[in-house]
Amino acid sequence: MGHGGGTGGTGEKMKEGAAKSVEKGKATVDNSARTAARVASETGQKIKEKVKRTLSDHKTGTETHDEL
């Protein structure tokens, strides 16, 4: 009597929990990708500005030694 009758609800809760976990994981990956893209863009912009300054300094005969 009652063999396996009450496990259906537990299985559904586990599926729901797994689905929520997957969604949270996707959101975390998406957020990480956006952050990485922003950092890469900012770094690229800094490099671009440094190259501009370096080229300008070479034309004018001055030098700067800025860090990135």
N, C-alpha and C. Protein backbone atom coordinates (compact mmCIF):
# COMPACT_ATOMS: atom_id res chain seq x y z
N MET A 1 0.82 -1.18 0.00
CA MET A 1 0.00 0.00 0.00
C MET A 1 0.87 1.25 0.00
N GLY A 2 0.64 2.17 -0.91
CA GLY A 2 1.38 3.42 -0.94
C GLY A 2 2.75 3.33 -1.57
N HIS A 3 3.06 2.27 -2.27
CA HIS A 3 4.37 2.17 -2.92
C HIS A 3 4.51 3.22 -4.02
N GLY A 4 5.42 4.15 -3.84
CA GLY A 4 5.70 5.13 -4.87
C GLY A 4 4.62 6.15 -5.09
N GLY A 5 3.57 6.13 -4.32
CA GLY A 5 2.47 7.07 -4.53
C GLY A 5 2.82 8.50 -4.22
N GLY A 6 3.70 8.74 -3.28
CA GLY A 6 4.02 10.11 -2.89
C GLY A 6 5.26 10.67 -3.54
N THR A 7 5.91 9.97 -4.43
CA THR A 7 7.17 10.45 -5.00
C THR A 7 6.98 11.33 -6.22
N GLY A 8 5.80 11.35 -6.79
CA GLY A 8 5.58 12.16 -7.98
C GLY A 8 5.78 13.64 -7.71
N GLY A 9 5.30 14.12 -6.57
CA GLY A 9 5.45 15.53 -6.21
C GLY A 9 6.90 15.89 -5.98
N THR A 10 7.65 15.00 -5.38
CA THR A 10 9.07 15.25 -5.13
C THR A 10 9.83 15.36 -6.44
N GLY A 11 9.49 14.49 -7.38
CA GLY A 11 10.14 14.53 -8.69
C GLY A 11 9.87 15.83 -9.41
N GLU A 12 8.64 16.32 -9.31
CA GLU A 12 8.29 17.59 -9.95
C GLU A 12 9.05 18.74 -9.31
N LYS A 13 9.14 18.72 -7.98
CA LYS A 13 9.87 19.78 -7.27
C LYS A 13 11.35 19.76 -7.66
N MET A 14 11.89 18.58 -7.82
CA MET A 14 13.29 18.47 -8.24
C MET A 14 13.47 19.02 -9.65
N LYS A 15 12.53 18.73 -10.54
CA LYS A 15 12.60 19.27 -11.90
C LYS A 15 12.51 20.78 -11.89
N GLU A 16 11.58 21.31 -11.08
CA GLU A 16 11.44 22.77 -10.99
C GLU A 16 12.70 23.40 -10.43
N GLY A 17 13.26 22.77 -9.40
CA GLY A 17 14.51 23.28 -8.81
C GLY A 17 15.65 23.26 -9.81
N ALA A 18 15.73 22.19 -10.58
CA ALA A 18 16.79 22.08 -11.60
C ALA A 18 16.59 23.14 -12.68
N ALA A 19 15.34 23.36 -13.08
CA ALA A 19 15.06 24.36 -14.11
C ALA A 19 15.44 25.75 -13.62
N LYS A 20 15.11 26.06 -12.37
CA LYS A 20 15.46 27.37 -11.81
C LYS A 20 16.98 27.52 -11.74
N SER A 21 17.66 26.44 -11.36
CA SER A 21 19.11 26.47 -11.27
C SER A 21 19.74 26.74 -12.64
N VAL A 22 19.20 26.10 -13.67
CA VAL A 22 19.70 26.30 -15.03
C VAL A 22 19.47 27.74 -15.46
N GLU A 23 18.30 28.28 -15.16
CA GLU A 23 18.01 29.67 -15.52
C GLU A 23 18.95 30.63 -14.81
N LYS A 24 19.21 30.39 -13.53
CA LYS A 24 20.15 31.24 -12.80
C LYS A 24 21.55 31.14 -13.40
N GLY A 25 21.91 29.92 -13.79
CA GLY A 25 23.22 29.72 -14.41
C GLY A 25 23.34 30.48 -15.72
N LYS A 26 22.27 30.44 -16.52
CA LYS A 26 22.27 31.18 -17.79
C LYS A 26 22.40 32.67 -17.55
N ALA A 27 21.67 33.18 -16.54
CA ALA A 27 21.74 34.60 -16.22
C ALA A 27 23.15 34.98 -15.76
N THR A 28 23.78 34.11 -14.98
CA THR A 28 25.13 34.38 -14.51
C THR A 28 26.12 34.40 -15.68
N VAL A 29 26.00 33.45 -16.58
CA VAL A 29 26.88 33.41 -17.76
C VAL A 29 26.67 34.65 -18.62
N ASP A 30 25.42 35.04 -18.81
CA ASP A 30 25.11 36.22 -19.61
C ASP A 30 25.72 37.47 -18.98
N ASN A 31 25.56 37.59 -17.66
CA ASN A 31 26.11 38.74 -16.95
C ASN A 31 27.63 38.76 -17.04
N SER A 32 28.25 37.60 -16.90
CA SER A 32 29.71 37.50 -17.00
C SER A 32 30.19 37.89 -18.39
N ALA A 33 29.46 37.45 -19.41
CA ALA A 33 29.83 37.78 -20.79
C ALA A 33 29.73 39.28 -21.04
N ARG A 34 28.67 39.89 -20.50
CA ARG A 34 28.52 41.34 -20.67
C ARG A 34 29.65 42.09 -19.96
N THR A 35 30.00 41.65 -18.76
CA THR A 35 31.08 42.29 -18.03
C THR A 35 32.41 42.13 -18.76
N ALA A 36 32.68 40.93 -19.27
CA ALA A 36 33.92 40.70 -20.01
C ALA A 36 33.98 41.57 -21.26
N ALA A 37 32.87 41.71 -21.95
CA ALA A 37 32.84 42.54 -23.15
C ALA A 37 33.10 44.01 -22.80
N ARG A 38 32.52 44.46 -21.70
CA ARG A 38 32.72 45.85 -21.28
C ARG A 38 34.18 46.10 -20.92
N VAL A 39 34.76 45.18 -20.15
CA VAL A 39 36.16 45.33 -19.76
C VAL A 39 37.07 45.31 -20.98
N ALA A 40 36.81 44.40 -21.91
CA ALA A 40 37.62 44.33 -23.13
C ALA A 40 37.51 45.62 -23.92
N SER A 41 36.31 46.16 -24.00
CA SER A 41 36.10 47.41 -24.73
C SER A 41 36.85 48.56 -24.06
N GLU A 42 36.75 48.63 -22.74
CA GLU A 42 37.45 49.70 -22.01
C GLU A 42 38.96 49.57 -22.17
N THR A 43 39.46 48.35 -22.10
CA THR A 43 40.90 48.12 -22.26
C THR A 43 41.34 48.51 -23.67
N GLY A 44 40.55 48.12 -24.66
CA GLY A 44 40.85 48.49 -26.04
C GLY A 44 40.89 49.99 -26.22
N GLN A 45 39.96 50.68 -25.57
CA GLN A 45 39.91 52.15 -25.66
C GLN A 45 41.16 52.76 -25.03
N LYS A 46 41.58 52.21 -23.88
CA LYS A 46 42.79 52.73 -23.23
C LYS A 46 44.02 52.52 -24.11
N ILE A 47 44.10 51.34 -24.72
CA ILE A 47 45.24 51.05 -25.61
C ILE A 47 45.22 52.00 -26.80
N LYS A 48 44.04 52.23 -27.36
CA LYS A 48 43.91 53.14 -28.50
C LYS A 48 44.39 54.54 -28.13
N GLU A 49 43.98 55.01 -26.94
CA GLU A 49 44.40 56.35 -26.51
C GLU A 49 45.92 56.40 -26.26
N LYS A 50 46.46 55.33 -25.69
CA LYS A 50 47.90 55.30 -25.44
C LYS A 50 48.68 55.32 -26.75
N VAL A 51 48.22 54.56 -27.74
CA VAL A 51 48.88 54.55 -29.04
C VAL A 51 48.82 55.94 -29.67
N LYS A 52 47.67 56.59 -29.57
CA LYS A 52 47.54 57.95 -30.11
C LYS A 52 48.53 58.89 -29.44
N ARG A 53 48.62 58.80 -28.09
CA ARG A 53 49.56 59.67 -27.37
C ARG A 53 50.99 59.36 -27.76
N THR A 54 51.31 58.08 -27.87
CA THR A 54 52.68 57.69 -28.23
C THR A 54 53.04 58.20 -29.61
N LEU A 55 52.14 58.03 -30.57
CA LEU A 55 52.40 58.52 -31.92
C LEU A 55 52.53 60.04 -31.93
N SER A 56 51.66 60.70 -31.19
CA SER A 56 51.71 62.16 -31.11
C SER A 56 53.01 62.62 -30.46
N ASP A 57 53.42 61.92 -29.40
CA ASP A 57 54.66 62.28 -28.71
C ASP A 57 55.87 62.10 -29.60
N HIS A 58 55.87 61.06 -30.41
CA HIS A 58 56.99 60.84 -31.32
C HIS A 58 57.05 61.94 -32.38
N LYS A 59 55.91 62.41 -32.81
CA LYS A 59 55.88 63.49 -33.81
C LYS A 59 56.40 64.80 -33.21
N THR A 60 56.09 65.04 -31.92
CA THR A 60 56.48 66.29 -31.29
C THR A 60 57.84 66.20 -30.60
N GLY A 61 58.38 64.97 -30.49
CA GLY A 61 59.68 64.80 -29.88
C GLY A 61 59.64 64.61 -28.36
N THR A 62 58.45 64.47 -27.77
CA THR A 62 58.35 64.23 -26.33
C THR A 62 57.96 62.77 -26.13
N GLU A 63 58.20 62.28 -24.91
CA GLU A 63 57.82 60.90 -24.61
C GLU A 63 57.10 60.84 -23.29
N THR A 64 56.13 59.91 -23.22
CA THR A 64 55.47 59.63 -21.94
C THR A 64 55.63 58.15 -21.66
N HIS A 65 55.61 57.82 -20.40
CA HIS A 65 55.76 56.41 -19.99
C HIS A 65 54.58 56.01 -19.12
N ASP A 66 53.38 56.18 -19.62
CA ASP A 66 52.17 55.84 -18.87
C ASP A 66 51.96 54.34 -18.86
N GLU A 67 51.43 53.86 -17.75
CA GLU A 67 51.01 52.46 -17.64
C GLU A 67 49.61 52.34 -18.19
N LEU A 68 49.24 51.15 -18.61
CA LEU A 68 47.86 50.90 -19.08
C LEU A 68 46.93 50.91 -17.92
